[in-house]
Amino acid sequence: MSTQLLVERIISDAQLEAQTIIAEAESKAAKLLAEASLRAETLRKQTEKEAAEKRIAILEKRAADARLDGAKLLLAEKRKVIDALYDEALSRLLELSKEDCLRLVDNLLRSYAEEGDVVCFADNFRYASDVKRLPVAKEKKLLFEEATLPLDGGLYLKGKISDKDLSFGALLAVDREENQAALAKSIFK
């Protein structure tokens, strides 16, 4: 064989081998590119899904926070209304007529006073001298302290066994504790 043919044959074989290598490389590159595109698409979809879930979670949390804040505001306003009712009740108790006040105190002493208790009146109690003349005072042998206490009206009993706060403020506090839910339910239907 001639040198020229041999060289052409080597060049031809080399070109064929180069084309095969290039074709394999292009095939591998296309395959890698397809795999990378698939991974990128999968990652993009997963990221979009996570972002959508996170967005929904954030919106739901904000909505829940808004509902909670709204409920807190509503509750605060309801408490203000109840506070105003009990403030008005205290005001009315402090302004009771002599007859009504003595009837109330007589009932309180009959219900809560023990024999020999010491009665202490609130600073603003107007009918102390009249209470001392009530039949219950003699029946239960109640003693009366001259010094007054800074109470919300009414009186305070000092007893041998226990003391009892019968101030109007304390009585309303007990009433509020017992009846606040029912009162709120009837007011805020």
Protein backbone atom coordinates (compact mmCIF):
# COMPACT_ATOMS: atom_id res chain seq x y z
CA MET A 1 0.00 0.00 0.00
CA SER A 2 1.11 3.33 -0.70
CA THR A 3 1.95 5.80 1.92
CA GLN A 4 -0.65 8.15 0.63
CA LEU A 5 -3.37 5.51 0.98
CA LEU A 6 -2.13 4.59 4.37
CA VAL A 7 -2.24 8.18 5.52
CA GLU A 8 -5.71 8.63 4.07
CA ARG A 9 -6.84 5.46 5.74
CA ILE A 10 -5.42 6.56 9.11
CA ILE A 11 -7.05 9.97 8.68
CA SER A 12 -10.33 8.33 7.67
CA ASP A 13 -10.21 5.97 10.66
CA ALA A 14 -9.32 8.87 12.92
CA GLN A 15 -12.22 10.93 11.56
CA LEU A 16 -14.57 8.01 12.03
CA GLU A 17 -13.32 7.47 15.57
CA ALA A 18 -13.56 11.22 16.24
CA GLN A 19 -17.16 11.25 14.95
CA THR A 20 -17.99 8.27 17.16
CA ILE A 21 -16.41 9.96 20.19
CA ILE A 22 -18.20 13.23 19.36
CA ALA A 23 -21.52 11.37 18.88
CA GLU A 24 -21.04 9.56 22.20
CA ALA A 25 -20.08 12.83 23.91
CA GLU A 26 -23.09 14.61 22.40
CA SER A 27 -25.31 11.70 23.46
CA LYS A 28 -23.89 11.79 27.00
CA ALA A 29 -24.21 15.59 27.05
CA ALA A 30 -27.81 15.36 25.84
CA LYS A 31 -28.55 12.68 28.43
CA LEU A 32 -26.87 14.73 31.21
CA LEU A 33 -28.69 17.83 30.03
CA ALA A 34 -32.01 15.97 30.03
CA GLU A 35 -31.33 14.58 33.51
CA ALA A 36 -30.29 18.03 34.76
CA SER A 37 -33.39 19.59 33.20
CA LEU A 38 -35.55 16.91 34.82
CA ARG A 39 -33.88 17.50 38.21
CA ALA A 40 -34.25 21.26 37.77
CA GLU A 41 -37.91 20.89 36.82
CA THR A 42 -38.54 18.56 39.76
CA LEU A 43 -36.73 20.94 42.10
CA ARG A 44 -38.68 23.90 40.66
CA LYS A 45 -42.01 22.11 41.15
CA GLN A 46 -41.03 21.04 44.68
CA THR A 47 -39.93 24.59 45.50
CA GLU A 48 -43.15 26.03 44.07
CA LYS A 49 -45.18 23.51 46.08
CA GLU A 50 -43.28 24.35 49.30
CA ALA A 51 -43.65 28.07 48.61
CA ALA A 52 -47.41 27.64 48.04
CA GLU A 53 -47.74 25.59 51.25
CA LYS A 54 -45.74 28.18 53.17
CA ARG A 55 -47.86 31.00 51.73
CA ILE A 56 -51.04 29.19 52.77
CA ALA A 57 -49.62 28.55 56.24
CA ILE A 58 -48.65 32.21 56.60
CA LEU A 59 -52.09 33.36 55.43
CA GLU A 60 -53.81 30.92 57.78
CA LYS A 61 -51.63 32.07 60.70
CA ARG A 62 -52.33 35.72 59.91
CA ALA A 63 -56.04 34.98 59.66
CA ALA A 64 -55.96 33.11 62.98
CA ASP A 65 -53.99 35.96 64.57
CA ALA A 66 -56.52 38.45 63.22
CA ARG A 67 -59.42 36.38 64.58
CA LEU A 68 -57.67 36.11 67.95
CA ASP A 69 -56.96 39.85 68.06
CA GLY A 70 -60.57 40.55 67.11
CA ALA A 71 -61.80 38.21 69.83
CA LYS A 72 -59.51 39.90 72.36
CA LEU A 73 -60.83 43.33 71.39
CA LEU A 74 -64.40 42.13 71.60
CA LEU A 75 -63.77 40.53 74.99
CA ALA A 76 -62.15 43.74 76.26
CA GLU A 77 -65.17 45.74 75.14
CA LYS A 78 -67.54 43.24 76.75
CA ARG A 79 -65.55 43.50 79.98
CA LYS A 80 -65.86 47.27 79.84
CA VAL A 81 -69.64 46.92 79.59
CA ILE A 82 -69.74 44.47 82.51
CA ASP A 83 -67.40 46.75 84.51
CA ALA A 84 -69.73 49.67 83.84
CA LEU A 85 -72.72 47.61 85.01
CA TYR A 86 -71.00 46.67 88.27
CA ASP A 87 -69.77 50.24 88.75
CA GLU A 88 -73.36 51.40 88.35
CA ALA A 89 -74.55 48.72 90.79
CA LEU A 90 -71.99 49.90 93.37
CA SER A 91 -73.04 53.49 92.83
CA ARG A 92 -76.68 52.54 93.40
CA LEU A 93 -75.85 50.54 96.51
CA LEU A 94 -73.99 53.52 97.92
CA GLU A 95 -77.04 55.69 97.21
CA LEU A 96 -79.65 53.34 98.74
CA SER A 97 -82.36 54.97 100.77
CA LYS A 98 -82.09 54.58 104.53
CA GLU A 99 -84.92 52.04 104.59
CA ASP A 100 -83.47 49.90 101.77
CA CYS A 101 -79.94 50.08 103.18
CA LEU A 102 -81.09 49.02 106.67
CA ARG A 103 -83.10 46.15 105.19
CA LEU A 104 -80.02 44.99 103.23
CA VAL A 105 -77.70 45.25 106.24
CA ASP A 106 -80.25 43.48 108.46
CA ASN A 107 -80.35 40.58 105.95
CA LEU A 108 -76.54 40.49 105.74
CA LEU A 109 -76.13 40.46 109.52
CA ARG A 110 -78.77 37.75 109.94
CA SER A 111 -77.07 35.63 107.28
CA TYR A 112 -73.39 36.14 108.09
CA ALA A 113 -72.88 37.54 111.60
CA GLU A 114 -71.96 35.22 114.46
CA GLU A 115 -72.75 35.99 118.06
CA GLY A 116 -70.32 38.55 119.46
CA ASP A 117 -68.86 39.65 116.10
CA VAL A 118 -67.44 43.15 115.88
CA VAL A 119 -68.99 45.32 113.16
CA CYS A 120 -66.74 47.81 111.38
CA PHE A 121 -68.45 50.24 109.02
CA ALA A 122 -67.10 51.66 105.78
CA ASP A 123 -65.91 55.27 105.83
CA ASN A 124 -68.80 56.25 103.57
CA PHE A 125 -71.54 54.28 105.37
CA ARG A 126 -74.26 56.76 106.36
CA TYR A 127 -76.52 54.73 108.64
CA ALA A 128 -74.17 53.27 111.26
CA SER A 129 -76.15 54.60 114.21
CA ASP A 130 -79.36 53.11 112.75
CA VAL A 131 -77.72 49.70 112.24
CA LYS A 132 -76.70 49.66 115.91
CA ARG A 133 -80.42 49.88 116.82
CA LEU A 134 -81.51 46.99 114.58
CA PRO A 135 -83.00 44.01 116.49
CA VAL A 136 -80.39 41.67 114.94
CA ALA A 137 -77.64 43.66 116.70
CA LYS A 138 -79.12 42.78 120.09
CA GLU A 139 -80.07 39.23 119.11
CA LYS A 140 -76.51 38.38 118.03
CA LYS A 141 -74.86 40.57 120.68
CA LEU A 142 -72.88 42.42 118.08
CA LEU A 143 -70.19 44.90 119.06
CA PHE A 144 -69.49 48.04 117.03
CA GLU A 145 -66.08 49.49 116.40
CA GLU A 146 -65.89 53.27 116.28
CA ALA A 147 -63.08 53.37 113.74
CA THR A 148 -64.18 53.05 110.11
CA LEU A 149 -62.50 51.23 107.25
CA PRO A 150 -61.79 52.33 103.66
CA LEU A 151 -64.35 49.98 102.07
CA ASP A 152 -66.72 50.34 99.13
CA GLY A 153 -69.72 50.90 101.40
CA GLY A 154 -71.23 48.32 103.68
CA LEU A 155 -69.41 46.77 106.60
CA TYR A 156 -66.82 44.29 107.77
CA LEU A 157 -67.33 41.63 110.44
CA LYS A 158 -64.50 40.63 112.75
CA GLY A 159 -65.33 37.33 114.33
CA LYS A 160 -63.82 34.89 116.77
CA ILE A 161 -63.67 32.20 114.10
CA SER A 162 -63.41 34.22 110.89
CA ASP A 163 -63.71 37.70 109.46
CA LYS A 164 -66.23 38.50 106.72
CA ASP A 165 -66.02 41.32 104.22
CA LEU A 166 -69.59 42.46 103.65
CA SER A 167 -68.66 45.64 101.87
CA PHE A 168 -70.74 46.41 98.83
CA GLY A 169 -67.65 46.10 96.65
CA ALA A 170 -66.89 42.62 98.02
CA LEU A 171 -70.50 41.50 97.63
CA LEU A 172 -70.53 42.70 94.04
CA ALA A 173 -67.21 40.94 93.38
CA VAL A 174 -68.71 37.65 94.59
CA ASP A 175 -71.83 38.26 92.51
CA ARG A 176 -69.69 39.03 89.48
CA GLU A 177 -67.68 35.83 89.93
CA GLU A 178 -70.85 33.77 90.13
CA ASN A 179 -72.99 35.54 87.53
CA GLN A 180 -70.66 37.19 85.04
CA ALA A 181 -70.96 34.46 82.40
CA ALA A 182 -74.76 34.36 82.55
CA LEU A 183 -74.93 38.15 82.55
CA ALA A 184 -72.64 38.39 79.52
CA LYS A 185 -74.66 35.70 77.76
CA SER A 186 -77.91 37.58 78.32
CA ILE A 187 -76.43 40.94 77.27
CA PHE A 188 -74.37 39.78 74.29
CA LYS A 189 -76.66 37.29 72.59
